[in-house]
Amino acid sequence: MKIWGIIREAFTFSDLSRGERIGLALLLGAIAVFPWVVKDGFARTVAVQFLYYAMLGLSWNFIGGYGGQIDLGGAKNVGFGAYGVALPMVLWDWPFWLGLPIGVAFAVLESLVLGLGLLRLRGHYFAIGTLAVALVWEELFVYSEWTRGARGLLLPFKRAPDYLYMQLTPVGFHYFIAALFVFSLLWLNWFRRSKLGYQLRAIREDEDAAASLGINVLAAKVKAYCISSVVAALGGAFYAVYYGFIDPDSVMHLDLSIMIAMTALVGGAGVLWGPIVGAAVLIPLDRYLGAWFGGGGILGMDFLIYAVIIMLLAAYQPKGVAGLIEALVLWRLKATGRSTAGLRAVGGR
């Protein structure tokens, strides 16, 4: 019966405020009807990319948000998931569902082995360590003939929809990534109220104090690091079949690692819906600014505006959009003379 208790907890959002629950319900409803209401191909692509990056941001939140460990190497797990699906499909014509567990298992094994060493580091030393590991993996995949190196892998084309090889129609891909996104959201929702989730919060606030209370700090961080790798690898597997082509630059590059962390940090690290808000801000902004200014011949203007917005948010509200909402709620309560004693933490923080 324990599994049913976990499922029930995953679907329970009672600790969120009423406004947050309504917002999540509206978001899920919008995701469900989006491909039937919006017919523009570019908008549909942006919606899929939003869900993809929101999912990767949720994966980062396990270790970075709730654990307080700034991981700058998340792209390696995306690459493991993508190559786990693509390599068997190209070499032996294996279907998606046989390659998927290979990529996920490799990501977990790598996170377990290296995490036992990396997670002994603290603060910026851990961040630099994850960055170095990710860069090494990218170079190994670039220069490995077995992975086809920088040439990349072109997946065999099947007649869509093919559910064995997960080569779907545009609407099918939308619901595929939406299902992965909802799965990641529910897993994180359960995780943040689990014993491990509370242990990681304690470690984030004061690692030495957490250890003095009997928490096995290294074990807790390694578990969260492995869970994070599972979700990221699932995202990589989706990327492989969605685009039909992968190379180390597309699924293991430093830019991807930074974007994964940015979605959570901009939206609010350690907040359930933080990566969702971060992806909703960053991805459409990046894509539409690139289309508007790049297509108009004003090269670089989109990057300038994008950078200015991120710098302003980082400078004036380091807690991200979640911190901004908390500050606005507090200001409104104080302005109306109401008590802030019963105010809930944003996003179940």
Protein backbone atom coordinates (compact mmCIF):
# COMPACT_ATOMS: atom_id res chain seq x y z
CA MET A 1 0.00 0.00 0.00
CA LYS A 2 3.03 2.26 0.32
CA ILE A 3 3.03 2.97 -3.43
CA TRP A 4 -0.54 4.28 -3.22
CA GLY A 5 0.49 6.59 -0.41
CA ILE A 6 3.31 7.97 -2.57
CA ILE A 7 0.92 8.51 -5.49
CA ARG A 8 -1.57 10.26 -3.22
CA GLU A 9 1.15 12.53 -1.87
CA ALA A 10 2.34 13.32 -5.40
CA PHE A 11 -1.14 14.57 -6.31
CA THR A 12 -1.57 16.57 -3.07
CA PHE A 13 -0.95 20.32 -3.31
CA SER A 14 -2.73 21.35 -0.12
CA ASP A 15 0.28 23.20 1.30
CA LEU A 16 0.24 25.62 -1.63
CA SER A 17 -1.86 28.74 -1.46
CA ARG A 18 -5.23 28.84 -3.20
CA GLY A 19 -3.84 31.16 -5.89
CA GLU A 20 -0.97 28.79 -6.60
CA ARG A 21 -3.29 25.79 -6.91
CA ILE A 22 -5.53 27.70 -9.30
CA GLY A 23 -2.49 28.79 -11.31
CA LEU A 24 -1.23 25.20 -11.67
CA ALA A 25 -4.70 24.01 -12.69
CA LEU A 26 -4.94 26.73 -15.34
CA LEU A 27 -1.46 25.88 -16.61
CA LEU A 28 -2.28 22.19 -16.99
CA GLY A 29 -5.56 23.06 -18.70
CA ALA A 30 -3.77 25.39 -21.11
CA ILE A 31 -1.20 22.69 -21.92
CA ALA A 32 -3.99 20.20 -22.62
CA VAL A 33 -5.88 22.39 -25.11
CA PHE A 34 -2.95 24.34 -26.60
CA PRO A 35 -2.30 22.28 -29.77
CA TRP A 36 -6.01 22.32 -30.65
CA VAL A 37 -6.48 26.05 -30.07
CA VAL A 38 -3.19 27.35 -31.50
CA LYS A 39 -2.47 26.37 -35.10
CA ASP A 40 0.70 28.41 -35.65
CA GLY A 41 3.64 26.04 -36.11
CA PHE A 42 6.20 28.33 -34.50
CA ALA A 43 4.05 28.86 -31.40
CA ARG A 44 3.57 25.10 -31.08
CA THR A 45 7.34 24.58 -31.29
CA VAL A 46 7.93 27.21 -28.60
CA ALA A 47 5.35 25.49 -26.38
CA VAL A 48 7.17 22.15 -26.74
CA GLN A 49 10.50 23.83 -25.96
CA PHE A 50 8.96 25.53 -22.91
CA LEU A 51 7.79 22.17 -21.55
CA TYR A 52 11.18 20.60 -22.34
CA TYR A 53 13.17 23.25 -20.48
CA ALA A 54 10.66 23.40 -17.63
CA MET A 55 11.15 19.66 -17.18
CA LEU A 56 14.93 20.04 -17.16
CA GLY A 57 14.60 22.89 -14.66
CA LEU A 58 12.49 20.64 -12.42
CA SER A 59 15.27 18.05 -12.60
CA TRP A 60 17.77 20.69 -11.43
CA ASN A 61 15.48 21.66 -8.55
CA PHE A 62 15.94 18.27 -6.88
CA ILE A 63 19.63 18.85 -6.18
CA GLY A 64 20.08 22.58 -6.81
CA GLY A 65 16.87 24.03 -5.40
CA TYR A 66 16.07 21.82 -2.43
CA GLY A 67 19.62 20.56 -1.86
CA GLY A 68 21.36 23.89 -2.38
CA GLN A 69 24.05 22.27 -4.55
CA ILE A 70 24.67 24.43 -7.64
CA ASP A 71 25.00 21.89 -10.44
CA LEU A 72 26.50 23.33 -13.64
CA GLY A 73 26.78 20.01 -15.44
CA GLY A 74 23.19 18.95 -15.98
CA ALA A 75 23.64 18.68 -19.74
CA LYS A 76 25.68 15.49 -19.41
CA ASN A 77 22.60 13.62 -18.15
CA VAL A 78 20.55 15.00 -21.03
CA GLY A 79 23.25 13.66 -23.35
CA PHE A 80 23.25 10.24 -21.72
CA GLY A 81 19.49 9.96 -22.18
CA ALA A 82 19.66 11.13 -25.79
CA TYR A 83 22.51 8.82 -26.77
CA GLY A 84 20.99 5.94 -24.84
CA VAL A 85 18.01 6.10 -27.19
CA ALA A 86 19.79 7.16 -30.39
CA LEU A 87 22.77 4.79 -30.44
CA PRO A 88 20.83 1.49 -30.18
CA MET A 89 18.27 2.84 -32.65
CA VAL A 90 20.94 3.72 -35.22
CA LEU A 91 23.23 0.71 -34.67
CA TRP A 92 20.73 -2.09 -34.09
CA ASP A 93 17.33 -0.59 -34.95
CA TRP A 94 16.16 -0.90 -31.35
CA PRO A 95 12.87 0.84 -30.52
CA PHE A 96 12.72 3.85 -28.22
CA TRP A 97 11.46 1.87 -25.22
CA LEU A 98 14.47 -0.48 -25.22
CA GLY A 99 17.03 2.31 -25.47
CA LEU A 100 15.36 4.54 -22.86
CA PRO A 101 16.31 2.46 -19.78
CA ILE A 102 19.90 2.22 -21.04
CA GLY A 103 20.33 5.99 -21.10
CA VAL A 104 18.58 6.48 -17.76
CA ALA A 105 20.56 3.68 -16.09
CA PHE A 106 23.87 5.06 -17.35
CA ALA A 107 22.97 8.55 -16.11
CA VAL A 108 22.10 7.20 -12.65
CA LEU A 109 25.22 5.01 -12.47
CA GLU A 110 27.48 7.90 -13.51
CA SER A 111 25.82 10.24 -10.99
CA LEU A 112 26.17 7.64 -8.25
CA VAL A 113 29.86 6.92 -8.86
CA LEU A 114 31.01 10.49 -9.47
CA GLY A 115 28.57 11.94 -6.96
CA LEU A 116 30.27 10.06 -4.14
CA GLY A 117 33.33 12.20 -4.83
CA LEU A 118 31.84 15.43 -6.16
CA LEU A 119 29.29 15.84 -3.41
CA ARG A 120 32.00 15.92 -0.76
CA LEU A 121 32.79 19.36 -2.18
CA ARG A 122 30.86 22.43 -1.05
CA GLY A 123 29.73 25.70 -2.58
CA HIS A 124 31.51 26.95 -5.66
CA TYR A 125 33.96 24.00 -5.50
CA PHE A 126 31.07 21.63 -6.24
CA ALA A 127 29.80 23.91 -9.03
CA ILE A 128 33.25 23.97 -10.65
CA GLY A 129 33.56 20.20 -10.25
CA THR A 130 30.25 19.50 -12.02
CA LEU A 131 31.20 21.93 -14.77
CA ALA A 132 34.56 20.21 -15.33
CA VAL A 133 32.98 16.73 -15.40
CA ALA A 134 30.36 17.83 -17.95
CA LEU A 135 33.03 19.39 -20.19
CA VAL A 136 35.10 16.19 -20.06
CA TRP A 137 32.10 14.08 -21.04
CA GLU A 138 31.32 16.40 -23.94
CA GLU A 139 34.88 16.12 -25.25
CA LEU A 140 34.81 12.33 -24.91
CA PHE A 141 31.63 12.17 -26.99
CA VAL A 142 33.03 14.61 -29.56
CA TYR A 143 36.18 12.58 -30.17
CA SER A 144 34.67 9.10 -29.81
CA GLU A 145 34.16 7.29 -33.10
CA TRP A 146 31.61 4.99 -31.51
CA THR A 147 29.24 7.91 -30.87
CA ARG A 148 29.99 9.24 -34.39
CA GLY A 149 31.77 12.18 -32.77
CA ALA A 150 30.94 15.69 -33.91
CA ARG A 151 29.13 14.30 -36.97
CA GLY A 152 26.26 13.31 -34.73
CA LEU A 153 23.58 10.68 -35.13
CA LEU A 154 20.65 10.84 -37.53
CA LEU A 155 17.85 8.64 -36.29
CA PRO A 156 16.11 6.33 -38.81
CA PHE A 157 12.81 7.73 -40.05
CA LYS A 158 9.62 5.77 -39.48
CA ARG A 159 6.13 6.49 -40.66
CA ALA A 160 4.39 8.62 -38.02
CA PRO A 161 2.81 7.86 -35.71
CA ASP A 162 5.10 5.02 -34.64
CA TYR A 163 4.74 4.42 -30.91
CA LEU A 164 7.55 1.86 -30.71
CA TYR A 165 10.11 4.34 -32.03
CA MET A 166 8.16 7.37 -30.70
CA GLN A 167 8.18 9.20 -34.01
CA LEU A 168 4.98 11.17 -33.67
CA THR A 169 2.96 13.96 -35.21
CA PRO A 170 3.50 17.52 -33.85
CA VAL A 171 0.43 17.13 -31.62
CA GLY A 172 1.70 13.74 -30.45
CA PHE A 173 5.07 15.21 -29.47
CA HIS A 174 3.29 17.99 -27.55
CA TYR A 175 1.44 15.49 -25.41
CA PHE A 176 4.51 13.28 -25.05
CA ILE A 177 6.61 16.07 -23.53
CA ALA A 178 3.55 17.24 -21.56
CA ALA A 179 3.28 13.77 -19.99
CA LEU A 180 6.98 13.80 -19.09
CA PHE A 181 6.62 17.30 -17.66
CA VAL A 182 3.62 16.34 -15.48
CA PHE A 183 5.45 13.20 -14.31
CA SER A 184 8.46 15.32 -13.28
CA LEU A 185 6.23 17.88 -11.54
CA LEU A 186 4.39 15.19 -9.53
CA TRP A 187 7.66 13.50 -8.60
CA LEU A 188 9.11 16.79 -7.34
CA ASN A 189 5.86 17.52 -5.48
CA TRP A 190 6.16 14.22 -3.63
CA PHE A 191 9.90 14.64 -3.14
CA ARG A 192 9.74 18.05 -1.46
CA ARG A 193 7.53 16.67 1.34
CA SER A 194 9.36 13.37 1.69
CA LYS A 195 11.90 12.56 4.39
CA LEU A 196 14.70 13.06 1.87
CA GLY A 197 13.27 16.43 0.84
CA TYR A 198 13.26 17.71 4.43
CA GLN A 199 16.78 16.37 4.96
CA LEU A 200 18.01 18.28 1.92
CA ARG A 201 16.41 21.51 3.15
CA ALA A 202 18.30 21.08 6.42
CA ILE A 203 21.53 20.44 4.51
CA ARG A 204 20.92 23.50 2.36
CA GLU A 205 20.51 25.74 5.39
CA ASP A 206 23.43 24.38 7.43
CA GLU A 207 25.27 21.22 6.40
CA ASP A 208 27.21 20.85 9.67
CA ALA A 209 24.11 21.31 11.79
CA ALA A 210 22.26 18.73 9.66
CA ALA A 211 25.08 16.22 10.17
CA SER A 212 25.03 16.86 13.93
CA LEU A 213 21.33 15.89 13.95
CA GLY A 214 22.15 12.46 12.51
CA ILE A 215 21.45 13.13 8.81
CA ASN A 216 23.77 11.22 6.47
CA VAL A 217 24.64 14.28 4.42
CA LEU A 218 26.55 12.54 1.63
CA ALA A 219 23.92 9.82 1.16
CA ALA A 220 21.08 12.36 0.99
CA LYS A 221 22.88 14.49 -1.59
CA VAL A 222 23.85 11.48 -3.72
CA LYS A 223 20.24 10.24 -3.75
CA ALA A 224 18.97 13.64 -4.91
CA TYR A 225 21.76 13.86 -7.51
CA CYS A 226 20.72 10.47 -8.93
CA ILE A 227 17.02 11.41 -8.98
CA SER A 228 17.90 14.62 -10.81
CA SER A 229 19.80 12.59 -13.42
CA VAL A 230 16.75 10.40 -14.12
CA VAL A 231 14.52 13.35 -15.03
CA ALA A 232 17.24 15.00 -17.13
CA ALA A 233 17.91 11.74 -19.00
CA LEU A 234 14.19 11.42 -19.79
CA GLY A 235 14.36 14.91 -21.27
CA GLY A 236 17.34 13.89 -23.38
CA ALA A 237 15.50 10.84 -24.68
CA PHE A 238 12.63 13.07 -25.77
CA TYR A 239 15.03 15.46 -27.50
CA ALA A 240 16.51 12.63 -29.57
CA VAL A 241 13.22 11.49 -31.07
CA TYR A 242 11.73 14.98 -31.34
CA TYR A 243 14.54 16.42 -33.45
CA GLY A 244 15.67 13.16 -35.05
CA PHE A 245 19.32 14.21 -34.83
CA ILE A 246 21.73 14.66 -31.95
CA ASP A 247 25.37 15.59 -31.53
CA PRO A 248 27.42 16.54 -28.45
CA ASP A 249 26.93 20.23 -29.17
CA SER A 250 23.14 19.96 -29.02
CA VAL A 251 22.70 17.74 -25.95
CA MET A 252 25.90 18.11 -23.88
CA HIS A 253 27.05 21.69 -24.40
CA LEU A 254 27.83 24.08 -21.56
CA ASP A 255 25.12 26.46 -22.78
CA LEU A 256 22.50 23.80 -22.07
CA SER A 257 23.82 23.24 -18.53
CA ILE A 258 23.61 26.96 -17.84
CA MET A 259 20.10 27.23 -19.28
CA ILE A 260 18.91 24.33 -17.12
CA ALA A 261 20.16 26.08 -13.99
CA MET A 262 18.85 29.46 -15.16
CA THR A 263 15.26 28.25 -15.56
CA ALA A 264 15.18 27.32 -11.88
CA LEU A 265 17.17 30.30 -10.62
CA VAL A 266 15.16 32.89 -12.56
CA GLY A 267 11.83 31.37 -11.55
CA GLY A 268 12.86 30.59 -7.99
CA ALA A 269 15.14 27.77 -6.81
CA GLY A 270 13.65 25.52 -4.15
CA VAL A 271 10.12 26.43 -5.23
CA LEU A 272 7.87 23.82 -6.83
CA TRP A 273 6.77 26.00 -9.73
CA GLY A 274 9.99 28.04 -9.95
CA PRO A 275 11.45 26.24 -13.01
CA ILE A 276 8.07 26.43 -14.75
CA VAL A 277 7.92 30.22 -14.36
CA GLY A 278 11.59 30.50 -15.29
CA ALA A 279 11.06 28.52 -18.49
CA ALA A 280 7.90 30.52 -19.25
CA VAL A 281 9.95 33.73 -19.04
CA LEU A 282 13.22 32.66 -20.66
CA ILE A 283 12.19 30.35 -23.51
CA PRO A 284 9.46 32.42 -25.25
CA LEU A 285 11.53 35.56 -24.63
CA ASP A 286 14.59 34.01 -26.24
CA ARG A 287 12.74 32.49 -29.20
CA TYR A 288 10.52 35.46 -30.03
CA LEU A 289 13.23 38.07 -29.54
CA GLY A 290 15.45 36.04 -31.86
CA ALA A 291 12.68 35.85 -34.45
CA TRP A 292 11.75 39.53 -34.24
CA PHE A 293 15.19 41.11 -34.11
CA GLY A 294 17.20 38.46 -35.93
CA GLY A 295 14.72 38.36 -38.78
CA GLY A 296 14.69 42.16 -38.93
CA GLY A 297 18.42 42.38 -39.43
CA ILE A 298 19.20 43.82 -35.97
CA LEU A 299 21.68 41.10 -35.08
CA GLY A 300 22.55 40.76 -31.40
CA MET A 301 19.72 42.97 -30.13
CA ASP A 302 17.78 39.95 -28.86
CA PHE A 303 20.77 38.78 -26.79
CA LEU A 304 21.24 42.28 -25.37
CA ILE A 305 17.61 42.58 -24.21
CA TYR A 306 17.69 39.02 -22.89
CA ALA A 307 20.85 39.70 -20.88
CA VAL A 308 19.58 42.99 -19.46
CA ILE A 309 16.38 41.38 -18.16
CA ILE A 310 18.33 38.55 -16.48
CA MET A 311 20.83 40.97 -14.92
CA LEU A 312 18.09 43.22 -13.55
CA LEU A 313 16.30 40.26 -12.01
CA ALA A 314 19.54 38.88 -10.54
CA ALA A 315 20.56 42.27 -9.13
CA TYR A 316 17.26 43.36 -7.61
CA GLN A 317 15.59 40.05 -6.75
CA PRO A 318 18.12 37.19 -6.33
CA LYS A 319 15.34 34.82 -5.27
CA GLY A 320 13.88 35.05 -8.77
CA VAL A 321 10.25 35.52 -9.70
CA ALA A 322 9.17 33.60 -6.57
CA GLY A 323 10.99 36.13 -4.41
CA LEU A 324 9.40 38.97 -6.35
CA ILE A 325 5.92 37.54 -5.72
CA GLU A 326 6.69 37.09 -2.02
CA ALA A 327 7.86 40.70 -1.78
CA LEU A 328 4.73 41.97 -3.56
CA VAL A 329 2.42 39.94 -1.30
CA LEU A 330 4.19 41.22 1.82
CA TRP A 331 4.02 44.80 0.56
CA ARG A 332 0.31 44.49 -0.16
CA LEU A 333 -0.43 43.03 3.28
CA LYS A 334 1.57 45.74 5.03
CA ALA A 335 -0.03 48.48 2.91
CA THR A 336 -3.51 47.31 3.93
CA GLY A 337 -2.50 46.89 7.58
CA ARG A 338 -3.12 43.12 7.58
CA SER A 339 -1.05 40.62 9.57
CA THR A 340 1.62 38.55 7.80
CA ALA A 341 1.72 35.87 10.51
CA GLY A 342 -0.27 33.29 8.57
CA LEU A 343 1.39 33.92 5.22
CA ARG A 344 2.40 30.70 3.46
CA ALA A 345 5.76 30.33 1.79
CA VAL A 346 5.52 30.72 -1.97
CA GLY A 347 5.60 27.40 -3.82
CA GLY A 348 5.67 25.37 -0.62
CA ARG A 349 9.20 26.63 0.01
